[in-house]
C-alpha atoms as a PDB file:
ATOM      1  CA  MET A   1      15.123 -42.981 -27.386  1.00  0.00           C
ATOM      2  CA  LEU A   2      13.785 -39.825 -25.776  1.00  0.00           C
ATOM      3  CA  SER A   3      14.909 -36.578 -27.378  1.00  0.00           C
ATOM      4  CA  ASP A   4      16.555 -33.601 -25.702  1.00  0.00           C
ATOM      5  CA  GLY A   5      13.398 -31.648 -26.434  1.00  0.00           C
ATOM      6  CA  TRP A   6      11.320 -34.074 -24.389  1.00  0.00           C
ATOM      7  CA  TYR A   7      13.638 -33.716 -21.405  1.00  0.00           C
ATOM      8  CA  LEU A   8      13.515 -29.928 -21.761  1.00  0.00           C
ATOM      9  CA  ASP A   9       9.703 -29.799 -21.906  1.00  0.00           C
ATOM     10  CA  THR A  10       9.401 -32.141 -18.913  1.00  0.00           C
ATOM     11  CA  TRP A  11      11.848 -30.083 -16.870  1.00  0.00           C
ATOM     12  CA  LEU A  12      10.009 -26.847 -17.654  1.00  0.00           C
ATOM     13  CA  LYS A  13       6.667 -28.398 -16.629  1.00  0.00           C
ATOM     14  CA  LEU A  14       8.150 -29.493 -13.300  1.00  0.00           C
ATOM     15  CA  GLU A  15       9.556 -26.014 -12.734  1.00  0.00           C
ATOM     16  CA  GLY A  16       6.127 -24.560 -13.457  1.00  0.00           C
ATOM     17  CA  LEU A  17       4.542 -26.833 -10.854  1.00  0.00           C
ATOM     18  CA  VAL A  18       7.140 -25.758  -8.263  1.00  0.00           C
ATOM     19  CA  VAL A  19       6.512 -22.058  -8.935  1.00  0.00           C
ATOM     20  CA  ALA A  20       2.735 -22.589  -8.766  1.00  0.00           C
ATOM     21  CA  LYS A  21       3.113 -24.430  -5.444  1.00  0.00           C
ATOM     22  CA  LYS A  22       5.171 -21.536  -4.046  1.00  0.00           C
ATOM     23  CA  ARG A  23       2.482 -19.055  -5.083  1.00  0.00           C
ATOM     24  CA  VAL A  24      -0.156 -21.075  -3.226  1.00  0.00           C
ATOM     25  CA  ASP A  25       2.087 -21.174  -0.153  1.00  0.00           C
ATOM     26  CA  VAL A  26       2.478 -17.391  -0.258  1.00  0.00           C
ATOM     27  CA  LYS A  27      -1.297 -16.920  -0.255  1.00  0.00           C
ATOM     28  CA  GLU A  28      -1.579 -19.167   2.801  1.00  0.00           C
ATOM     29  CA  PHE A  29       0.520 -16.668   4.772  1.00  0.00           C
ATOM     30  CA  LYS A  30      -1.905 -13.786   4.215  1.00  0.00           C
ATOM     31  CA  PRO A  31      -4.252 -13.713   7.241  1.00  0.00           C
ATOM     32  CA  PRO A  32      -7.358 -11.558   6.741  1.00  0.00           C
ATOM     33  CA  LEU A  33      -7.824  -8.291   8.581  1.00  0.00           C
ATOM     34  CA  LEU A  34     -10.395  -9.590  11.073  1.00  0.00           C
ATOM     35  CA  TRP A  35      -8.107 -12.507  11.948  1.00  0.00           C
ATOM     36  CA  ARG A  36      -5.209 -10.115  12.581  1.00  0.00           C
ATOM     37  CA  LEU A  37      -7.263  -7.878  14.852  1.00  0.00           C
ATOM     38  CA  GLY A  38      -8.843 -10.848  16.632  1.00  0.00           C
ATOM     39  CA  VAL A  39      -5.470 -12.435  17.399  1.00  0.00           C
ATOM     40  CA  LEU A  40      -4.034  -9.082  18.498  1.00  0.00           C
ATOM     41  CA  LEU A  41      -6.957  -8.573  20.895  1.00  0.00           C
ATOM     42  CA  VAL A  42      -7.261 -12.118  22.261  1.00  0.00           C
ATOM     43  CA  VAL A  43      -3.549 -12.843  22.684  1.00  0.00           C
ATOM     44  CA  GLY A  44      -2.751  -9.348  23.959  1.00  0.00           C
ATOM     45  CA  VAL A  45      -5.563  -9.318  26.533  1.00  0.00           C
ATOM     46  CA  THR A  46      -4.738 -12.880  27.636  1.00  0.00           C
ATOM     47  CA  VAL A  47      -1.081 -12.027  28.261  1.00  0.00           C
ATOM     48  CA  ALA A  48      -1.942  -8.805  30.095  1.00  0.00           C
ATOM     49  CA  CYS A  49      -4.578 -10.499  32.284  1.00  0.00           C
ATOM     50  CA  PHE A  50      -2.404 -13.505  33.073  1.00  0.00           C
ATOM     51  CA  ASP A  51       0.425 -11.127  33.939  1.00  0.00           C
ATOM     52  CA  GLN A  52      -1.731  -9.041  36.275  1.00  0.00           C
ATOM     53  CA  ILE A  53      -3.183 -12.099  38.032  1.00  0.00           C
ATOM     54  CA  ALA A  54       0.294 -13.572  38.555  1.00  0.00           C
ATOM     55  CA  LYS A  55       1.598 -10.265  39.936  1.00  0.00           C
ATOM     56  CA  ALA A  56      -1.359  -9.910  42.319  1.00  0.00           C
ATOM     57  CA  VAL A  57      -0.755 -13.408  43.661  1.00  0.00           C
ATOM     58  CA  ALA A  58       2.968 -12.683  44.010  1.00  0.00           C
ATOM     59  CA  ARG A  59       2.338  -9.485  46.006  1.00  0.00           C
ATOM     60  CA  VAL A  60       0.106 -11.380  48.430  1.00  0.00           C
ATOM     61  CA  ALA A  61       1.885 -14.722  48.677  1.00  0.00           C
ATOM     62  CA  LEU A  62       5.552 -13.763  48.615  1.00  0.00           C
ATOM     63  CA  SER A  63       7.584 -12.168  51.393  1.00  0.00           C
ATOM     64  CA  PRO A  64       8.220  -8.416  51.274  1.00  0.00           C
ATOM     65  CA  ALA A  65      10.625  -7.237  48.629  1.00  0.00           C
ATOM     66  CA  GLY A  66      14.268  -7.719  49.547  1.00  0.00           C
ATOM     67  CA  THR A  67      13.773 -10.899  51.611  1.00  0.00           C
ATOM     68  CA  VAL A  68      14.480 -14.516  50.719  1.00  0.00           C
ATOM     69  CA  GLY A  69      12.179 -15.884  48.023  1.00  0.00           C
ATOM     70  CA  VAL A  70      10.584 -19.276  47.443  1.00  0.00           C
ATOM     71  CA  GLN A  71      12.395 -22.115  45.680  1.00  0.00           C
ATOM     72  CA  VAL A  72      10.324 -23.497  42.801  1.00  0.00           C
ATOM     73  CA  ILE A  73      12.929 -25.663  41.073  1.00  0.00           C
ATOM     74  CA  PRO A  74      16.026 -25.885  43.311  1.00  0.00           C
ATOM     75  CA  GLY A  75      19.059 -24.419  41.636  1.00  0.00           C
ATOM     76  CA  ILE A  76      17.060 -23.272  38.615  1.00  0.00           C
ATOM     77  CA  LEU A  77      13.977 -21.174  39.379  1.00  0.00           C
ATOM     78  CA  ASN A  78      12.828 -19.120  42.389  1.00  0.00           C
ATOM     79  CA  PHE A  79       9.963 -16.758  43.126  1.00  0.00           C
ATOM     80  CA  GLU A  80      11.244 -13.521  44.622  1.00  0.00           C
ATOM     81  CA  LEU A  81       9.263 -10.290  45.036  1.00  0.00           C
ATOM     82  CA  VAL A  82      10.968  -7.243  43.514  1.00  0.00           C
ATOM     83  CA  TYR A  83       9.527  -3.830  42.665  1.00  0.00           C
ATOM     84  CA  ASN A  84      11.063  -2.362  39.533  1.00  0.00           C
ATOM     85  CA  GLU A  85      10.801   1.223  38.299  1.00  0.00           C
ATOM     86  CA  GLY A  86      12.382   0.452  34.938  1.00  0.00           C
ATOM     87  CA  ALA A  87      11.578  -1.546  31.816  1.00  0.00           C
ATOM     88  CA  ALA A  88      11.894  -5.275  31.168  1.00  0.00           C
ATOM     89  CA  PHE A  89      14.458  -7.073  33.344  1.00  0.00           C
ATOM     90  CA  GLY A  90      15.086  -3.991  35.482  1.00  0.00           C
ATOM     91  CA  LEU A  91      16.487  -1.789  32.721  1.00  0.00           C
ATOM     92  CA  GLY A  92      16.077   1.980  32.670  1.00  0.00           C
ATOM     93  CA  GLU A  93      14.829   2.751  36.158  1.00  0.00           C
ATOM     94  CA  GLY A  94      13.260   6.115  36.878  1.00  0.00           C
ATOM     95  CA  TYR A  95      11.424   6.659  33.576  1.00  0.00           C
ATOM     96  CA  THR A  96       7.890   5.538  34.433  1.00  0.00           C
ATOM     97  CA  LEU A  97       6.071   8.076  32.249  1.00  0.00           C
ATOM     98  CA  VAL A  98       8.397   7.408  29.336  1.00  0.00           C
ATOM     99  CA  PHE A  99       7.741   3.671  29.450  1.00  0.00           C
ATOM    100  CA  VAL A 100       3.987   4.127  29.713  1.00  0.00           C
ATOM    101  CA  THR A 101       4.142   6.376  26.638  1.00  0.00           C
ATOM    102  CA  LEU A 102       6.279   3.814  24.796  1.00  0.00           C
ATOM    103  CA  ALA A 103       3.753   1.098  25.616  1.00  0.00           C
ATOM    104  CA  VAL A 104       0.943   3.176  24.122  1.00  0.00           C
ATOM    105  CA  ILE A 105       3.062   3.905  21.039  1.00  0.00           C
ATOM    106  CA  MET A 106       3.899   0.214  20.686  1.00  0.00           C
ATOM    107  CA  VAL A 107       0.239  -0.807  20.726  1.00  0.00           C
ATOM    108  CA  MET A 108      -0.758   1.935  18.264  1.00  0.00           C
ATOM    109  CA  ALA A 109       2.135   1.158  15.911  1.00  0.00           C
ATOM    110  CA  SER A 110       1.275  -2.555  15.910  1.00  0.00           C
ATOM    111  CA  LEU A 111      -2.380  -1.803  15.238  1.00  0.00           C
ATOM    112  CA  ILE A 112      -1.557   0.540  12.355  1.00  0.00           C
ATOM    113  CA  TYR A 113       0.898  -1.952  10.874  1.00  0.00           C
ATOM    114  CA  LEU A 114      -1.601  -4.815  10.957  1.00  0.00           C
ATOM    115  CA  LEU A 115      -4.317  -2.592   9.491  1.00  0.00           C
ATOM    116  CA  ARG A 116      -2.238  -1.228   6.627  1.00  0.00           C
ATOM    117  CA  ALA A 117       0.300  -3.927   5.742  1.00  0.00           C
ATOM    118  CA  PRO A 118      -0.961  -5.741   2.612  1.00  0.00           C
ATOM    119  CA  LEU A 119       1.040  -8.903   3.418  1.00  0.00           C
ATOM    120  CA  VAL A 120       1.941 -10.219   6.859  1.00  0.00           C
ATOM    121  CA  SER A 121       2.666 -13.675   8.238  1.00  0.00           C
ATOM    122  CA  SER A 122       0.709 -15.311  11.038  1.00  0.00           C
ATOM    123  CA  TRP A 123       3.859 -15.315  13.175  1.00  0.00           C
ATOM    124  CA  GLU A 124       4.159 -11.539  12.864  1.00  0.00           C
ATOM    125  CA  VAL A 125       0.618 -11.094  14.144  1.00  0.00           C
ATOM    126  CA  VAL A 126       1.119 -13.439  17.112  1.00  0.00           C
ATOM    127  CA  GLY A 127       4.508 -11.904  17.931  1.00  0.00           C
ATOM    128  CA  LEU A 128       3.164  -8.350  17.927  1.00  0.00           C
ATOM    129  CA  ALA A 129       0.204  -9.461  20.047  1.00  0.00           C
ATOM    130  CA  LEU A 130       2.577 -10.935  22.651  1.00  0.00           C
ATOM    131  CA  VAL A 131       4.639  -7.748  22.699  1.00  0.00           C
ATOM    132  CA  CYS A 132       1.549  -5.549  23.072  1.00  0.00           C
ATOM    133  CA  GLY A 133       0.144  -7.738  25.841  1.00  0.00           C
ATOM    134  CA  GLY A 134       3.417  -7.571  27.764  1.00  0.00           C
ATOM    135  CA  ALA A 135       3.741  -3.824  27.249  1.00  0.00           C
ATOM    136  CA  VAL A 136       0.186  -3.246  28.484  1.00  0.00           C
ATOM    137  CA  GLY A 137       0.737  -5.539  31.494  1.00  0.00           C
ATOM    138  CA  ASN A 138       3.741  -3.565  32.686  1.00  0.00           C
ATOM    139  CA  ALA A 139       2.072  -0.243  31.851  1.00  0.00           C
ATOM    140  CA  ILE A 140      -0.877  -1.143  34.101  1.00  0.00           C
ATOM    141  CA  ASP A 141       1.574  -1.717  36.958  1.00  0.00           C
ATOM    142  CA  ARG A 142       3.228   1.634  36.426  1.00  0.00           C
ATOM    143  CA  VAL A 143      -0.059   3.512  36.330  1.00  0.00           C
ATOM    144  CA  ALA A 144      -1.657   1.652  39.256  1.00  0.00           C
ATOM    145  CA  HIS A 145       1.355   1.172  41.553  1.00  0.00           C
ATOM    146  CA  GLY A 146       4.104   3.448  40.252  1.00  0.00           C
ATOM    147  CA  VAL A 147       6.386   0.398  39.912  1.00  0.00           C
ATOM    148  CA  VAL A 148       6.420  -2.949  38.089  1.00  0.00           C
ATOM    149  CA  THR A 149       6.068  -6.138  40.112  1.00  0.00           C
ATOM    150  CA  ASP A 150       8.709  -8.751  39.241  1.00  0.00           C
ATOM    151  CA  PHE A 151       8.819 -12.199  40.836  1.00  0.00           C
ATOM    152  CA  ILE A 152      10.503 -14.761  38.541  1.00  0.00           C
ATOM    153  CA  ALA A 153      14.180 -15.246  39.426  1.00  0.00           C
ATOM    154  CA  THR A 154      16.739 -17.549  37.827  1.00  0.00           C
ATOM    155  CA  ALA A 155      18.946 -19.343  40.379  1.00  0.00           C
ATOM    156  CA  PHE A 156      21.451 -20.827  37.933  1.00  0.00           C
ATOM    157  CA  ILE A 157      22.545 -17.458  36.501  1.00  0.00           C
ATOM    158  CA  ASP A 158      22.806 -13.889  37.793  1.00  0.00           C
ATOM    159  CA  PHE A 159      19.929 -12.340  35.855  1.00  0.00           C
ATOM    160  CA  PRO A 160      17.437  -9.572  36.708  1.00  0.00           C
ATOM    161  CA  VAL A 161      14.128 -10.690  38.216  1.00  0.00           C
ATOM    162  CA  PHE A 162      11.323 -10.539  35.650  1.00  0.00           C
ATOM    163  CA  ASN A 163       7.605 -11.247  35.160  1.00  0.00           C
ATOM    164  CA  ILE A 164       5.091 -12.702  32.694  1.00  0.00           C
ATOM    165  CA  ALA A 165       4.871  -9.439  30.757  1.00  0.00           C
ATOM    166  CA  ASP A 166       8.643  -9.413  30.236  1.00  0.00           C
ATOM    167  CA  ILE A 167       8.442 -12.966  28.883  1.00  0.00           C
ATOM    168  CA  GLY A 168       5.659 -11.922  26.505  1.00  0.00           C
ATOM    169  CA  ILE A 169       7.692  -8.988  25.209  1.00  0.00           C
ATOM    170  CA  THR A 170      10.858 -11.037  24.704  1.00  0.00           C
ATOM    171  CA  VAL A 171       9.175 -14.040  23.083  1.00  0.00           C
ATOM    172  CA  GLY A 172       6.973 -11.741  21.011  1.00  0.00           C
ATOM    173  CA  VAL A 173       9.941  -9.871  19.549  1.00  0.00           C
ATOM    174  CA  VAL A 174      11.633 -13.154  18.580  1.00  0.00           C
ATOM    175  CA  VAL A 175       8.445 -14.587  17.045  1.00  0.00           C
ATOM    176  CA  ALA A 176       7.684 -11.380  15.131  1.00  0.00           C
ATOM    177  CA  LEU A 177      11.238 -11.203  13.748  1.00  0.00           C
ATOM    178  CA  ILE A 178      11.129 -14.845  12.634  1.00  0.00           C
ATOM    179  CA  GLY A 179       7.787 -14.210  10.966  1.00  0.00           C
ATOM    180  CA  PHE A 180       9.008 -11.062   9.214  1.00  0.00           C
ATOM    181  CA  ILE A 181      12.404 -12.361   8.072  1.00  0.00           C
ATOM    182  CA  PHE A 182      11.582 -15.953   7.141  1.00  0.00           C
ATOM    183  CA  LEU A 183       7.805 -16.235   6.694  1.00  0.00           C
ATOM    184  CA  SER A 184       6.626 -12.828   5.497  1.00  0.00           C
ATOM    185  CA  PRO A 185       4.645 -13.109   2.229  1.00  0.00           C
ATOM    186  CA  ALA A 186       6.419  -9.998   0.972  1.00  0.00           C
ATOM    187  CA  ASN A 187       9.824 -11.617   1.472  1.00  0.00           C
ATOM    188  CA  LEU A 188       8.571 -14.909   0.048  1.00  0.00           C
ATOM    189  CA  ALA A 189       7.311 -13.077  -3.023  1.00  0.00           C
ATOM    190  CA  ALA A 190      10.715 -11.435  -3.478  1.00  0.00           C
ATOM    191  CA  ARG A 191      12.429 -14.814  -3.192  1.00  0.00           C
ATOM    192  CA  GLU A 192       9.921 -16.242  -5.666  1.00  0.00           C
ATOM    193  CA  ARG A 193      10.817 -13.539  -8.190  1.00  0.00           C
ATOM    194  CA  ALA A 194      14.503 -14.256  -7.693  1.00  0.00           C
ATOM    195  CA  GLU A 195      13.849 -17.984  -8.167  1.00  0.00           C
ATOM    196  CA  ALA A 196      11.870 -17.250 -11.324  1.00  0.00           C
ATOM    197  CA  GLU A 197      14.798 -15.247 -12.709  1.00  0.00           C
ATOM    198  CA  ARG A 198      17.173 -18.117 -11.957  1.00  0.00           C
ATOM    199  CA  THR A 199      14.743 -20.478 -13.687  1.00  0.00           C
ATOM    200  CA  VAL A 200      14.717 -18.289 -16.797  1.00  0.00           C
ATOM    201  CA  HIS A 201      18.516 -18.286 -16.907  1.00  0.00           C
ATOM    202  CA  ALA A 202      18.569 -22.070 -16.412  1.00  0.00           C
ATOM    203  CA  ASP A 203      16.014 -22.494 -19.200  1.00  0.00           C
ATOM    204  CA  SER A 204      18.160 -20.455 -21.540  1.00  0.00           C
ATOM    205  CA  ALA A 205      21.238 -22.506 -20.680  1.00  0.00           C
ATOM    206  CA  ILE A 206      19.410 -25.796 -21.309  1.00  0.00           C
ATOM    207  CA  ARG A 207      18.046 -24.524 -24.609  1.00  0.00           C
ATOM    208  CA  ARG A 208      21.522 -23.465 -25.710  1.00  0.00           C
ATOM    209  CA  ARG A 209      22.955 -26.875 -24.800  1.00  0.00           C
ATOM    210  CA  ALA A 210      20.086 -28.626 -26.621  1.00  0.00           C
ATOM    211  CA  SER A 211      20.664 -26.435 -29.659  1.00  0.00           C
ATOM    212  CA  ARG A 212      24.380 -27.200 -29.712  1.00  0.00           C
ATOM    213  CA  LYS A 213      23.703 -30.955 -29.428  1.00  0.00           C
ATOM    214  CA  SER A 214      21.190 -30.764 -32.279  1.00  0.00           C
ATOM    215  CA  GLY A 215      23.720 -28.881 -34.405  1.00  0.00           C
ATOM    216  CA  ARG A 216      26.421 -31.486 -33.809  1.00  0.00           C
ATOM    217  CA  LYS A 217      24.008 -34.326 -34.661  1.00  0.00           C
ATOM    218  CA  GLY A 218      23.022 -32.544 -37.858  1.00  0.00           C
ATOM    219  CA  ARG A 219      26.678 -32.369 -38.955  1.00  0.00           C
END
């Protein structure tokens, strides 16, 4: 018959393998500096360029602002030309210079964070790149035209007309938050420490139970 000590040693070895696996997983979420900067540049520039091309096509192909748009998916999605002086989804009109300044600050803050943060997840990098690309796309509009070109309209709900840059900003914020809260190596390391503490307490409890069983058998 196997002894309590054998079960205890086996359980501790399995716990050690689990902790070691978690440490390997944490390392996998630590993208190198060049990868961070490369993703920030490629994704950000792609979003900004795609946004500008789509807006240029919309200004040429769609009817003047304020007229009936084009149905893309009946009852769901339309293309409708709107010039917006505010931020994403038509918010905060009349603060062009402020929003251009915020876009510059956003890009600089993201760059500094990715340069200095010792541990970041891949999702954080991609999310920040999407946000920066969207911010730059709308900032280009404000500098070049004084307004932001919006053309994507939802037909199934009363929602402000938006553009590709707005989508990049919104999706980027969600992706970055998911990466920071759930996938950040720093947070994973903290959870690993907490798990290790729980393991120590569980080890102590098992040892105490094994000791009590051995004492009863001895009597």
